[in-house]
Amino acid sequence: MKTTNKPKKKKLGPTSVPSNGDQVRPVSGVVDWKPNLCSYKDTRILKFDTTEDLNAAIDLLWSEPLQTLPHDTPDGRSIIVPAEAVPYFTRAGLRFVTYRLRAMSELGPNEISRLRR
């Protein structure tokens, strides 16, 4: 599923954490994220509109709530994060398109063969 995210620019509060979609509950300090991306059932690919948005997202990963967030950067234009982390990037006002990362078990033999080339 593909969704486009083009919110107005907002500052991310240092004590906000996502909980159940876009709901936010206040906390302080670093969020206790699971240690690996594979620990999450629902992961998302955030593909950024501009290099500036990508750089801002990378800077955001150094902010207190996201310091221990597991993530990956597969192609220099995208970041893979747990779905629960997407609201942080939305509230920061970054422009990106998000895709659900599918598991290998969800792919057909032709898709797997194409990806392995």
PDB file of N, CA and C in Angstrom:
ATOM      1  N   MET A   1       0.835  -1.160   0.000  1.00  0.00           N
ATOM      2  CA  MET A   1       0.000   0.000   0.000  1.00  0.00           C
ATOM      3  C   MET A   1       0.889   1.235   0.000  1.00  0.00           C
ATOM      4  N   LYS A   2       0.541   2.212  -0.812  1.00  0.00           N
ATOM      5  CA  LYS A   2       1.316   3.442  -0.957  1.00  0.00           C
ATOM      6  C   LYS A   2       0.482   4.603  -0.451  1.00  0.00           C
ATOM      7  N   THR A   3       1.074   5.433   0.404  1.00  0.00           N
ATOM      8  CA  THR A   3       0.399   6.644   0.847  1.00  0.00           C
ATOM      9  C   THR A   3       1.366   7.798   0.728  1.00  0.00           C
ATOM     10  N   THR A   4       0.841   8.953   0.355  1.00  0.00           N
ATOM     11  CA  THR A   4       1.671  10.143   0.234  1.00  0.00           C
ATOM     12  C   THR A   4       1.490  10.986   1.477  1.00  0.00           C
ATOM     13  N   ASN A   5       2.565  11.531   1.963  1.00  0.00           N
ATOM     14  CA  ASN A   5       2.540  12.286   3.191  1.00  0.00           C
ATOM     15  C   ASN A   5       3.183  13.635   2.943  1.00  0.00           C
ATOM     16  N   LYS A   6       2.384  14.699   2.861  1.00  0.00           N
ATOM     17  CA  LYS A   6       2.913  16.041   2.643  1.00  0.00           C
ATOM     18  C   LYS A   6       2.302  16.999   3.662  1.00  0.00           C
ATOM     19  N   PRO A   7       2.697  16.867   4.944  1.00  0.00           N
ATOM     20  CA  PRO A   7       2.139  17.743   5.968  1.00  0.00           C
ATOM     21  C   PRO A   7       2.835  19.090   5.990  1.00  0.00           C
ATOM     22  N   LYS A   8       2.242  20.020   6.754  1.00  0.00           N
ATOM     23  CA  LYS A   8       2.895  21.302   6.976  1.00  0.00           C
ATOM     24  C   LYS A   8       4.079  21.072   7.902  1.00  0.00           C
ATOM     25  N   LYS A   9       5.080  21.957   7.827  1.00  0.00           N
ATOM     26  CA  LYS A   9       6.266  21.842   8.670  1.00  0.00           C
ATOM     27  C   LYS A   9       5.886  22.064  10.130  1.00  0.00           C
ATOM     28  N   LYS A  10       6.307  21.154  11.003  1.00  0.00           N
ATOM     29  CA  LYS A  10       6.071  21.260  12.432  1.00  0.00           C
ATOM     30  C   LYS A  10       7.335  20.822  13.153  1.00  0.00           C
ATOM     31  N   LYS A  11       7.502  21.317  14.357  1.00  0.00           N
ATOM     32  CA  LYS A  11       8.612  20.879  15.205  1.00  0.00           C
ATOM     33  C   LYS A  11       8.177  19.628  15.955  1.00  0.00           C
ATOM     34  N   LEU A  12       9.072  18.654  16.062  1.00  0.00           N
ATOM     35  CA  LEU A  12       8.801  17.451  16.835  1.00  0.00           C
ATOM     36  C   LEU A  12       9.098  17.739  18.295  1.00  0.00           C
ATOM     37  N   GLY A  13       8.136  17.502  19.148  1.00  0.00           N
ATOM     38  CA  GLY A  13       8.358  17.698  20.573  1.00  0.00           C
ATOM     39  C   GLY A  13       9.271  16.619  21.123  1.00  0.00           C
ATOM     40  N   PRO A  14      10.163  16.985  22.037  1.00  0.00           N
ATOM     41  CA  PRO A  14      11.124  16.016  22.545  1.00  0.00           C
ATOM     42  C   PRO A  14      10.507  14.965  23.446  1.00  0.00           C
ATOM     43  N   THR A  15       9.238  15.120  23.823  1.00  0.00           N
ATOM     44  CA  THR A  15       8.647  14.150  24.722  1.00  0.00           C
ATOM     45  C   THR A  15       7.421  13.493  24.121  1.00  0.00           C
ATOM     46  N   SER A  16       7.407  13.301  22.802  1.00  0.00           N
ATOM     47  CA  SER A  16       6.275  12.654  22.159  1.00  0.00           C
ATOM     48  C   SER A  16       6.685  11.279  21.652  1.00  0.00           C
ATOM     49  N   VAL A  17       5.772  10.350  21.725  1.00  0.00           N
ATOM     50  CA  VAL A  17       6.037   9.003  21.222  1.00  0.00           C
ATOM     51  C   VAL A  17       4.766   8.467  20.594  1.00  0.00           C
ATOM     52  N   PRO A  18       4.858   7.781  19.455  1.00  0.00           N
ATOM     53  CA  PRO A  18       3.655   7.250  18.835  1.00  0.00           C
ATOM     54  C   PRO A  18       3.113   6.073  19.629  1.00  0.00           C
ATOM     55  N   SER A  19       1.818   5.928  19.609  1.00  0.00           N
ATOM     56  CA  SER A  19       1.145   4.817  20.263  1.00  0.00           C
ATOM     57  C   SER A  19      -0.125   4.563  19.470  1.00  0.00           C
ATOM     58  N   ASN A  20      -0.312   3.396  18.911  1.00  0.00           N
ATOM     59  CA  ASN A  20      -1.519   3.076  18.141  1.00  0.00           C
ATOM     60  C   ASN A  20      -1.767   4.092  17.028  1.00  0.00           C
ATOM     61  N   GLY A  21      -1.055   3.979  15.950  1.00  0.00           N
ATOM     62  CA  GLY A  21      -1.253   4.869  14.810  1.00  0.00           C
ATOM     63  C   GLY A  21      -0.749   6.261  15.085  1.00  0.00           C
ATOM     64  N   ASP A  22      -1.612   7.256  14.875  1.00  0.00           N
ATOM     65  CA  ASP A  22      -1.187   8.640  15.015  1.00  0.00           C
ATOM     66  C   ASP A  22      -1.458   9.220  16.401  1.00  0.00           C
ATOM     67  N   GLN A  23      -2.002   8.422  17.323  1.00  0.00           N
ATOM     68  CA  GLN A  23      -2.207   8.935  18.667  1.00  0.00           C
ATOM     69  C   GLN A  23      -0.850   9.140  19.317  1.00  0.00           C
ATOM     70  N   VAL A  24      -0.758  10.130  20.163  1.00  0.00           N
ATOM     71  CA  VAL A  24       0.513  10.447  20.804  1.00  0.00           C
ATOM     72  C   VAL A  24       0.310  10.494  22.313  1.00  0.00           C
ATOM     73  N   ARG A  25       1.244   9.890  23.042  1.00  0.00           N
ATOM     74  CA  ARG A  25       1.213   9.999  24.499  1.00  0.00           C
ATOM     75  C   ARG A  25       2.556  10.558  24.949  1.00  0.00           C
ATOM     76  N   PRO A  26       2.568  11.452  25.929  1.00  0.00           N
ATOM     77  CA  PRO A  26       3.833  12.058  26.351  1.00  0.00           C
ATOM     78  C   PRO A  26       4.691  11.080  27.141  1.00  0.00           C
ATOM     79  N   VAL A  27       5.988  11.124  26.894  1.00  0.00           N
ATOM     80  CA  VAL A  27       6.980  10.394  27.678  1.00  0.00           C
ATOM     81  C   VAL A  27       8.233  11.251  27.712  1.00  0.00           C
ATOM     82  N   SER A  28       9.164  10.881  28.532  1.00  0.00           N
ATOM     83  CA  SER A  28      10.429  11.595  28.518  1.00  0.00           C
ATOM     84  C   SER A  28      11.539  10.588  28.282  1.00  0.00           C
ATOM     85  N   GLY A  29      12.615  11.048  27.667  1.00  0.00           N
ATOM     86  CA  GLY A  29      13.755  10.184  27.427  1.00  0.00           C
ATOM     87  C   GLY A  29      13.637   9.390  26.144  1.00  0.00           C
ATOM     88  N   VAL A  30      14.516   8.436  26.014  1.00  0.00           N
ATOM     89  CA  VAL A  30      14.599   7.603  24.820  1.00  0.00           C
ATOM     90  C   VAL A  30      13.520   6.534  24.882  1.00  0.00           C
ATOM     91  N   VAL A  31      12.875   6.260  23.763  1.00  0.00           N
ATOM     92  CA  VAL A  31      11.850   5.221  23.670  1.00  0.00           C
ATOM     93  C   VAL A  31      12.535   3.862  23.696  1.00  0.00           C
ATOM     94  N   ASP A  32      11.907   2.885  24.310  1.00  0.00           N
ATOM     95  CA  ASP A  32      12.458   1.540  24.394  1.00  0.00           C
ATOM     96  C   ASP A  32      12.044   0.747  23.153  1.00  0.00           C
ATOM     97  N   TRP A  33      12.757   0.979  22.044  1.00  0.00           N
ATOM     98  CA  TRP A  33      12.476   0.274  20.800  1.00  0.00           C
ATOM     99  C   TRP A  33      13.032  -1.141  20.885  1.00  0.00           C
ATOM    100  N   LYS A  34      12.444  -2.057  20.138  1.00  0.00           N
ATOM    101  CA  LYS A  34      13.021  -3.406  20.028  1.00  0.00           C
ATOM    102  C   LYS A  34      14.359  -3.279  19.305  1.00  0.00           C
ATOM    103  N   PRO A  35      15.283  -4.209  19.524  1.00  0.00           N
ATOM    104  CA  PRO A  35      16.652  -4.023  19.021  1.00  0.00           C
ATOM    105  C   PRO A  35      16.837  -4.174  17.515  1.00  0.00           C
ATOM    106  N   ASN A  36      15.984  -4.912  16.829  1.00  0.00           N
ATOM    107  CA  ASN A  36      16.187  -5.172  15.393  1.00  0.00           C
ATOM    108  C   ASN A  36      14.919  -4.921  14.598  1.00  0.00           C
ATOM    109  N   LEU A  37      15.083  -4.523  13.340  1.00  0.00           N
ATOM    110  CA  LEU A  37      13.922  -4.349  12.464  1.00  0.00           C
ATOM    111  C   LEU A  37      13.123  -5.630  12.321  1.00  0.00           C
ATOM    112  N   CYS A  38      13.810  -6.774  12.289  1.00  0.00           N
ATOM    113  CA  CYS A  38      13.103  -8.049  12.113  1.00  0.00           C
ATOM    114  C   CYS A  38      12.254  -8.400  13.342  1.00  0.00           C
ATOM    115  N   SER A  39      12.385  -7.650  14.427  1.00  0.00           N
ATOM    116  CA  SER A  39      11.561  -7.850  15.619  1.00  0.00           C
ATOM    117  C   SER A  39      10.155  -7.274  15.440  1.00  0.00           C
ATOM    118  N   TYR A  40       9.960  -6.496  14.396  1.00  0.00           N
ATOM    119  CA  TYR A  40       8.669  -5.832  14.142  1.00  0.00           C
ATOM    120  C   TYR A  40       7.918  -6.529  13.018  1.00  0.00           C
ATOM    121  N   LYS A  41       6.624  -6.755  13.233  1.00  0.00           N
ATOM    122  CA  LYS A  41       5.790  -7.352  12.187  1.00  0.00           C
ATOM    123  C   LYS A  41       5.506  -6.369  11.064  1.00  0.00           C
ATOM    124  N   ASP A  42       5.359  -5.097  11.400  1.00  0.00           N
ATOM    125  CA  ASP A  42       4.970  -4.077  10.429  1.00  0.00           C
ATOM    126  C   ASP A  42       6.095  -3.056  10.276  1.00  0.00           C
ATOM    127  N   THR A  43       6.796  -3.107   9.133  1.00  0.00           N
ATOM    128  CA  THR A  43       7.846  -2.141   8.846  1.00  0.00           C
ATOM    129  C   THR A  43       7.474  -1.349   7.609  1.00  0.00           C
ATOM    130  N   ARG A  44       7.977  -0.133   7.526  1.00  0.00           N
ATOM    131  CA  ARG A  44       7.633   0.767   6.424  1.00  0.00           C
ATOM    132  C   ARG A  44       8.884   1.306   5.754  1.00  0.00           C
ATOM    133  N   ILE A  45       8.774   1.508   4.461  1.00  0.00           N
ATOM    134  CA  ILE A  45       9.814   2.178   3.688  1.00  0.00           C
ATOM    135  C   ILE A  45       9.356   3.618   3.520  1.00  0.00           C
ATOM    136  N   LEU A  46      10.178   4.559   3.948  1.00  0.00           N
ATOM    137  CA  LEU A  46       9.888   5.980   3.753  1.00  0.00           C
ATOM    138  C   LEU A  46      10.777   6.460   2.622  1.00  0.00           C
ATOM    139  N   LYS A  47      10.164   6.824   1.501  1.00  0.00           N
ATOM    140  CA  LYS A  47      10.913   7.325   0.347  1.00  0.00           C
ATOM    141  C   LYS A  47      10.718   8.835   0.297  1.00  0.00           C
ATOM    142  N   PHE A  48      11.811   9.572   0.441  1.00  0.00           N
ATOM    143  CA  PHE A  48      11.740  11.019   0.610  1.00  0.00           C
ATOM    144  C   PHE A  48      11.731  11.756  -0.721  1.00  0.00           C
ATOM    145  N   ASP A  49      10.987  12.869  -0.751  1.00  0.00           N
ATOM    146  CA  ASP A  49      10.837  13.674  -1.959  1.00  0.00           C
ATOM    147  C   ASP A  49      12.129  14.385  -2.347  1.00  0.00           C
ATOM    148  N   THR A  50      12.894  14.814  -1.343  1.00  0.00           N
ATOM    149  CA  THR A  50      14.100  15.590  -1.626  1.00  0.00           C
ATOM    150  C   THR A  50      15.256  15.106  -0.751  1.00  0.00           C
ATOM    151  N   THR A  51      16.465  15.465  -1.154  1.00  0.00           N
ATOM    152  CA  THR A  51      17.648  15.165  -0.354  1.00  0.00           C
ATOM    153  C   THR A  51      17.566  15.896   0.985  1.00  0.00           C
ATOM    154  N   GLU A  52      16.998  17.088   0.996  1.00  0.00           N
ATOM    155  CA  GLU A  52      16.858  17.851   2.231  1.00  0.00           C
ATOM    156  C   GLU A  52      15.963  17.122   3.224  1.00  0.00           C
ATOM    157  N   ASP A  53      14.858  16.543   2.733  1.00  0.00           N
ATOM    158  CA  ASP A  53      13.968  15.792   3.617  1.00  0.00           C
ATOM    159  C   ASP A  53      14.664  14.533   4.140  1.00  0.00           C
ATOM    160  N   LEU A  54      15.416  13.856   3.300  1.00  0.00           N
ATOM    161  CA  LEU A  54      16.171  12.676   3.733  1.00  0.00           C
ATOM    162  C   LEU A  54      17.188  13.068   4.807  1.00  0.00           C
ATOM    163  N   ASN A  55      17.920  14.156   4.571  1.00  0.00           N
ATOM    164  CA  ASN A  55      18.906  14.612   5.560  1.00  0.00           C
ATOM    165  C   ASN A  55      18.238  15.001   6.880  1.00  0.00           C
ATOM    166  N   ALA A  56      17.082  15.630   6.793  1.00  0.00           N
ATOM    167  CA  ALA A  56      16.345  15.993   8.009  1.00  0.00           C
ATOM    168  C   ALA A  56      15.884  14.733   8.749  1.00  0.00           C
ATOM    169  N   ALA A  57      15.488  13.703   8.004  1.00  0.00           N
ATOM    170  CA  ALA A  57      15.074  12.432   8.619  1.00  0.00           C
ATOM    171  C   ALA A  57      16.257  11.777   9.327  1.00  0.00           C
ATOM    172  N   ILE A  58      17.423  11.828   8.698  1.00  0.00           N
ATOM    173  CA  ILE A  58      18.631  11.263   9.327  1.00  0.00           C
ATOM    174  C   ILE A  58      18.967  12.034  10.596  1.00  0.00           C
ATOM    175  N   ASP A  59      18.844  13.357  10.552  1.00  0.00           N
ATOM    176  CA  ASP A  59      19.058  14.167  11.755  1.00  0.00           C
ATOM    177  C   ASP A  59      18.056  13.788  12.844  1.00  0.00           C
ATOM    178  N   LEU A  60      16.808  13.540  12.443  1.00  0.00           N
ATOM    179  CA  LEU A  60      15.763  13.165  13.392  1.00  0.00           C
ATOM    180  C   LEU A  60      16.100  11.846  14.092  1.00  0.00           C
ATOM    181  N   LEU A  61      16.767  10.947  13.376  1.00  0.00           N
ATOM    182  CA  LEU A  61      17.159   9.671  13.984  1.00  0.00           C
ATOM    183  C   LEU A  61      18.125   9.861  15.156  1.00  0.00           C
ATOM    184  N   TRP A  62      18.782  11.010  15.217  1.00  0.00           N
ATOM    185  CA  TRP A  62      19.699  11.310  16.318  1.00  0.00           C
ATOM    186  C   TRP A  62      18.997  11.990  17.485  1.00  0.00           C
ATOM    187  N   SER A  63      17.706  12.323  17.323  1.00  0.00           N
ATOM    188  CA  SER A  63      16.974  12.970  18.408  1.00  0.00           C
ATOM    189  C   SER A  63      16.697  11.956  19.510  1.00  0.00           C
ATOM    190  N   GLU A  64      16.452  12.460  20.703  1.00  0.00           N
ATOM    191  CA  GLU A  64      16.339  11.593  21.878  1.00  0.00           C
ATOM    192  C   GLU A  64      15.341  10.442  21.735  1.00  0.00           C
ATOM    193  N   PRO A  65      14.118  10.658  21.265  1.00  0.00           N
ATOM    194  CA  PRO A  65      13.189   9.520  21.208  1.00  0.00           C
ATOM    195  C   PRO A  65      13.577   8.453  20.184  1.00  0.00           C
ATOM    196  N   LEU A  66      14.393   8.812  19.197  1.00  0.00           N
ATOM    197  CA  LEU A  66      14.689   7.861  18.113  1.00  0.00           C
ATOM    198  C   LEU A  66      16.123   7.341  18.128  1.00  0.00           C
ATOM    199  N   GLN A  67      16.895   7.672  19.146  1.00  0.00           N
ATOM    200  CA  GLN A  67      18.308   7.283  19.175  1.00  0.00           C
ATOM    201  C   GLN A  67      18.523   5.783  19.055  1.00  0.00           C
ATOM    202  N   THR A  68      17.636   4.986  19.613  1.00  0.00           N
ATOM    203  CA  THR A  68      17.808   3.534  19.574  1.00  0.00           C
ATOM    204  C   THR A  68      16.868   2.856  18.576  1.00  0.00           C
ATOM    205  N   LEU A  69      16.229   3.652  17.723  1.00  0.00           N
ATOM    206  CA  LEU A  69      15.306   3.111  16.724  1.00  0.00           C
ATOM    207  C   LEU A  69      16.058   2.263  15.697  1.00  0.00           C
ATOM    208  N   PRO A  70      15.668   1.000  15.503  1.00  0.00           N
ATOM    209  CA  PRO A  70      16.305   0.217  14.443  1.00  0.00           C
ATOM    210  C   PRO A  70      15.849   0.747  13.090  1.00  0.00           C
ATOM    211  N   HIS A  71      16.770   0.884  12.152  1.00  0.00           N
ATOM    212  CA  HIS A  71      16.430   1.411  10.832  1.00  0.00           C
ATOM    213  C   HIS A  71      17.442   0.897   9.815  1.00  0.00           C
ATOM    214  N   ASP A  72      17.113   1.064   8.556  1.00  0.00           N
ATOM    215  CA  ASP A  72      18.019   0.690   7.478  1.00  0.00           C
ATOM    216  C   ASP A  72      17.882   1.724   6.373  1.00  0.00           C
ATOM    217  N   THR A  73      18.949   1.925   5.615  1.00  0.00           N
ATOM    218  CA  THR A  73      18.936   2.846   4.480  1.00  0.00           C
ATOM    219  C   THR A  73      19.358   2.063   3.234  1.00  0.00           C
ATOM    220  N   PRO A  74      18.392   1.491   2.513  1.00  0.00           N
ATOM    221  CA  PRO A  74      18.707   0.563   1.431  1.00  0.00           C
ATOM    222  C   PRO A  74      19.258   1.188   0.156  1.00  0.00           C
ATOM    223  N   ASP A  75      18.901   2.429  -0.142  1.00  0.00           N
ATOM    224  CA  ASP A  75      19.236   2.951  -1.475  1.00  0.00           C
ATOM    225  C   ASP A  75      19.693   4.407  -1.498  1.00  0.00           C
ATOM    226  N   GLY A  76      19.908   5.016  -0.359  1.00  0.00           N
ATOM    227  CA  GLY A  76      20.335   6.409  -0.335  1.00  0.00           C
ATOM    228  C   GLY A  76      19.215   7.416  -0.517  1.00  0.00           C
ATOM    229  N   ARG A  77      17.987   6.945  -0.713  1.00  0.00           N
ATOM    230  CA  ARG A  77      16.829   7.841  -0.843  1.00  0.00           C
ATOM    231  C   ARG A  77      15.714   7.474   0.121  1.00  0.00           C
ATOM    232  N   SER A  78      15.868   6.337   0.800  1.00  0.00           N
ATOM    233  CA  SER A  78      14.804   5.801   1.641  1.00  0.00           C
ATOM    234  C   SER A  78      15.350   5.357   2.991  1.00  0.00           C
ATOM    235  N   ILE A  79      14.438   5.256   3.951  1.00  0.00           N
ATOM    236  CA  ILE A  79      14.758   4.708   5.257  1.00  0.00           C
ATOM    237  C   ILE A  79      13.676   3.691   5.601  1.00  0.00           C
ATOM    238  N   ILE A  80      14.078   2.549   6.135  1.00  0.00           N
ATOM    239  CA  ILE A  80      13.131   1.538   6.599  1.00  0.00           C
ATOM    240  C   ILE A  80      13.068   1.635   8.119  1.00  0.00           C
ATOM    241  N   VAL A  81      11.838   1.764   8.644  1.00  0.00           N
ATOM    242  CA  VAL A  81      11.626   1.904  10.088  1.00  0.00           C
ATOM    243  C   VAL A  81      10.397   1.090  10.495  1.00  0.00           C
ATOM    244  N   PRO A  82      10.250   0.791  11.793  1.00  0.00           N
ATOM    245  CA  PRO A  82       9.004   0.179  12.259  1.00  0.00           C
ATOM    246  C   PRO A  82       7.839   1.136  12.000  1.00  0.00           C
ATOM    247  N   ALA A  83       6.669   0.588  11.735  1.00  0.00           N
ATOM    248  CA  ALA A  83       5.489   1.413  11.451  1.00  0.00           C
ATOM    249  C   ALA A  83       5.184   2.393  12.582  1.00  0.00           C
ATOM    250  N   GLU A  84       5.454   1.996  13.832  1.00  0.00           N
ATOM    251  CA  GLU A  84       5.178   2.881  14.967  1.00  0.00           C
ATOM    252  C   GLU A  84       5.995   4.166  14.930  1.00  0.00           C
ATOM    253  N   ALA A  85       7.085   4.186  14.185  1.00  0.00           N
ATOM    254  CA  ALA A  85       7.954   5.363  14.138  1.00  0.00           C
ATOM    255  C   ALA A  85       7.528   6.376  13.078  1.00  0.00           C
ATOM    256  N   VAL A  86       6.676   5.990  12.153  1.00  0.00           N
ATOM    257  CA  VAL A  86       6.288   6.882  11.049  1.00  0.00           C
ATOM    258  C   VAL A  86       5.715   8.212  11.539  1.00  0.00           C
ATOM    259  N   PRO A  87       4.875   8.241  12.595  1.00  0.00           N
ATOM    260  CA  PRO A  87       4.346   9.532  13.049  1.00  0.00           C
ATOM    261  C   PRO A  87       5.416  10.550  13.454  1.00  0.00           C
ATOM    262  N   TYR A  88       6.575  10.102  13.910  1.00  0.00           N
ATOM    263  CA  TYR A  88       7.657  11.041  14.238  1.00  0.00           C
ATOM    264  C   TYR A  88       8.078  11.822  12.992  1.00  0.00           C
ATOM    265  N   PHE A  89       8.191  11.129  11.878  1.00  0.00           N
ATOM    266  CA  PHE A  89       8.633  11.765  10.634  1.00  0.00           C
ATOM    267  C   PHE A  89       7.525  12.651  10.068  1.00  0.00           C
ATOM    268  N   THR A  90       6.276  12.231  10.260  1.00  0.00           N
ATOM    269  CA  THR A  90       5.132  13.032   9.820  1.00  0.00           C
ATOM    270  C   THR A  90       5.067  14.341  10.604  1.00  0.00           C
ATOM    271  N   ARG A  91       5.151  14.231  11.938  1.00  0.00           N
ATOM    272  CA  ARG A  91       5.064  15.432  12.785  1.00  0.00           C
ATOM    273  C   ARG A  91       6.244  16.368  12.566  1.00  0.00           C
ATOM    274  N   ALA A  92       7.363  15.844  12.090  1.00  0.00           N
ATOM    275  CA  ALA A  92       8.527  16.703  11.814  1.00  0.00           C
ATOM    276  C   ALA A  92       8.342  17.493  10.526  1.00  0.00           C
ATOM    277  N   GLY A  93       7.263  17.213   9.781  1.00  0.00           N
ATOM    278  CA  GLY A  93       6.982  17.969   8.569  1.00  0.00           C
ATOM    279  C   GLY A  93       7.747  17.501   7.350  1.00  0.00           C
ATOM    280  N   LEU A  94       8.277  16.283   7.392  1.00  0.00           N
ATOM    281  CA  LEU A  94       9.035  15.764   6.257  1.00  0.00           C
ATOM    282  C   LEU A  94       8.094  15.283   5.161  1.00  0.00           C
ATOM    283  N   ARG A  95       8.534  15.416   3.913  1.00  0.00           N
ATOM    284  CA  ARG A  95       7.730  14.981   2.768  1.00  0.00           C
ATOM    285  C   ARG A  95       8.270  13.640   2.292  1.00  0.00           C
ATOM    286  N   PHE A  96       7.385  12.626   2.299  1.00  0.00           N
ATOM    287  CA  PHE A  96       7.792  11.290   1.888  1.00  0.00           C
ATOM    288  C   PHE A  96       6.571  10.477   1.483  1.00  0.00           C
ATOM    289  N   VAL A  97       6.835   9.390   0.792  1.00  0.00           N
ATOM    290  CA  VAL A  97       5.818   8.399   0.457  1.00  0.00           C
ATOM    291  C   VAL A  97       6.183   7.161   1.255  1.00  0.00           C
ATOM    292  N   THR A  98       5.184   6.508   1.831  1.00  0.00           N
ATOM    293  CA  THR A  98       5.453   5.319   2.638  1.00  0.00           C
ATOM    294  C   THR A  98       4.858   4.075   1.985  1.00  0.00           C
ATOM    295  N   TYR A  99       5.606   2.998   2.053  1.00  0.00           N
ATOM    296  CA  TYR A  99       5.186   1.699   1.542  1.00  0.00           C
ATOM    297  C   TYR A  99       5.343   0.674   2.652  1.00  0.00           C
ATOM    298  N   ARG A 100       4.446  -0.289   2.695  1.00  0.00           N
ATOM    299  CA  ARG A 100       4.600  -1.400   3.641  1.00  0.00           C
ATOM    300  C   ARG A 100       5.658  -2.334   3.083  1.00  0.00           C
ATOM    301  N   LEU A 101       6.631  -2.692   3.906  1.00  0.00           N
ATOM    302  CA  LEU A 101       7.670  -3.623   3.496  1.00  0.00           C
ATOM    303  C   LEU A 101       7.111  -5.039   3.605  1.00  0.00           C
ATOM    304  N   ARG A 102       7.096  -5.739   2.488  1.00  0.00           N
ATOM    305  CA  ARG A 102       6.534  -7.091   2.478  1.00  0.00           C
ATOM    306  C   ARG A 102       7.587  -8.117   2.883  1.00  0.00           C
ATOM    307  N   ALA A 103       7.141  -9.173   3.543  1.00  0.00           N
ATOM    308  CA  ALA A 103       8.021 -10.268   3.932  1.00  0.00           C
ATOM    309  C   ALA A 103       8.257 -11.172   2.722  1.00  0.00           C
ATOM    310  N   MET A 104       9.366 -11.888   2.726  1.00  0.00           N
ATOM    311  CA  MET A 104       9.674 -12.822   1.633  1.00  0.00           C
ATOM    312  C   MET A 104       8.549 -13.835   1.450  1.00  0.00           C
ATOM    313  N   SER A 105       7.913 -14.228   2.548  1.00  0.00           N
ATOM    314  CA  SER A 105       6.836 -15.221   2.471  1.00  0.00           C
ATOM    315  C   SER A 105       5.607 -14.688   1.730  1.00  0.00           C
ATOM    316  N   GLU A 106       5.510 -13.383   1.552  1.00  0.00           N
ATOM    317  CA  GLU A 106       4.385 -12.775   0.839  1.00  0.00           C
ATOM    318  C   GLU A 106       4.639 -12.659  -0.660  1.00  0.00           C
ATOM    319  N   LEU A 107       5.862 -12.923  -1.101  1.00  0.00           N
ATOM    320  CA  LEU A 107       6.222 -12.767  -2.505  1.00  0.00           C
ATOM    321  C   LEU A 107       6.060 -14.086  -3.259  1.00  0.00           C
ATOM    322  N   GLY A 108       5.708 -13.969  -4.524  1.00  0.00           N
ATOM    323  CA  GLY A 108       5.615 -15.142  -5.384  1.00  0.00           C
ATOM    324  C   GLY A 108       6.979 -15.525  -5.919  1.00  0.00           C
ATOM    325  N   PRO A 109       7.105 -16.707  -6.514  1.00  0.00           N
ATOM    326  CA  PRO A 109       8.394 -17.174  -7.032  1.00  0.00           C
ATOM    327  C   PRO A 109       8.987 -16.245  -8.096  1.00  0.00           C
ATOM    328  N   ASN A 110       8.156 -15.676  -8.958  1.00  0.00           N
ATOM    329  CA  ASN A 110       8.657 -14.765  -9.993  1.00  0.00           C
ATOM    330  C   ASN A 110       9.227 -13.484  -9.385  1.00  0.00           C
ATOM    331  N   GLU A 111       8.532 -12.960  -8.360  1.00  0.00           N
ATOM    332  CA  GLU A 111       9.031 -11.746  -7.697  1.00  0.00           C
ATOM    333  C   GLU A 111      10.355 -12.004  -6.982  1.00  0.00           C
ATOM    334  N   ILE A 112      10.465 -13.144  -6.329  1.00  0.00           N
ATOM    335  CA  ILE A 112      11.699 -13.499  -5.617  1.00  0.00           C
ATOM    336  C   ILE A 112      12.843 -13.634  -6.613  1.00  0.00           C
ATOM    337  N   SER A 113      12.578 -14.310  -7.731  1.00  0.00           N
ATOM    338  CA  SER A 113      13.599 -14.501  -8.748  1.00  0.00           C
ATOM    339  C   SER A 113      14.080 -13.151  -9.307  1.00  0.00           C
ATOM    340  N   ARG A 114      13.144 -12.241  -9.547  1.00  0.00           N
ATOM    341  CA  ARG A 114      13.478 -10.913 -10.083  1.00  0.00           C
ATOM    342  C   ARG A 114      14.322 -10.129  -9.083  1.00  0.00           C
ATOM    343  N   LEU A 115      13.987 -10.217  -7.809  1.00  0.00           N
ATOM    344  CA  LEU A 115      14.711  -9.463  -6.790  1.00  0.00           C
ATOM    345  C   LEU A 115      16.125 -10.006  -6.556  1.00  0.00           C
ATOM    346  N   ARG A 116      16.321 -11.283  -6.801  1.00  0.00           N
ATOM    347  CA  ARG A 116      17.633 -11.896  -6.562  1.00  0.00           C
ATOM    348  C   ARG A 116      18.630 -11.613  -7.682  1.00  0.00           C
ATOM    349  N   ARG A 117      18.178 -11.077  -8.792  1.00  0.00           N
ATOM    350  CA  ARG A 117      19.089 -10.772  -9.903  1.00  0.00           C
ATOM    351  C   ARG A 117      19.986  -9.630  -9.625  1.00  0.00           C
TER     352      ARG A 117
END
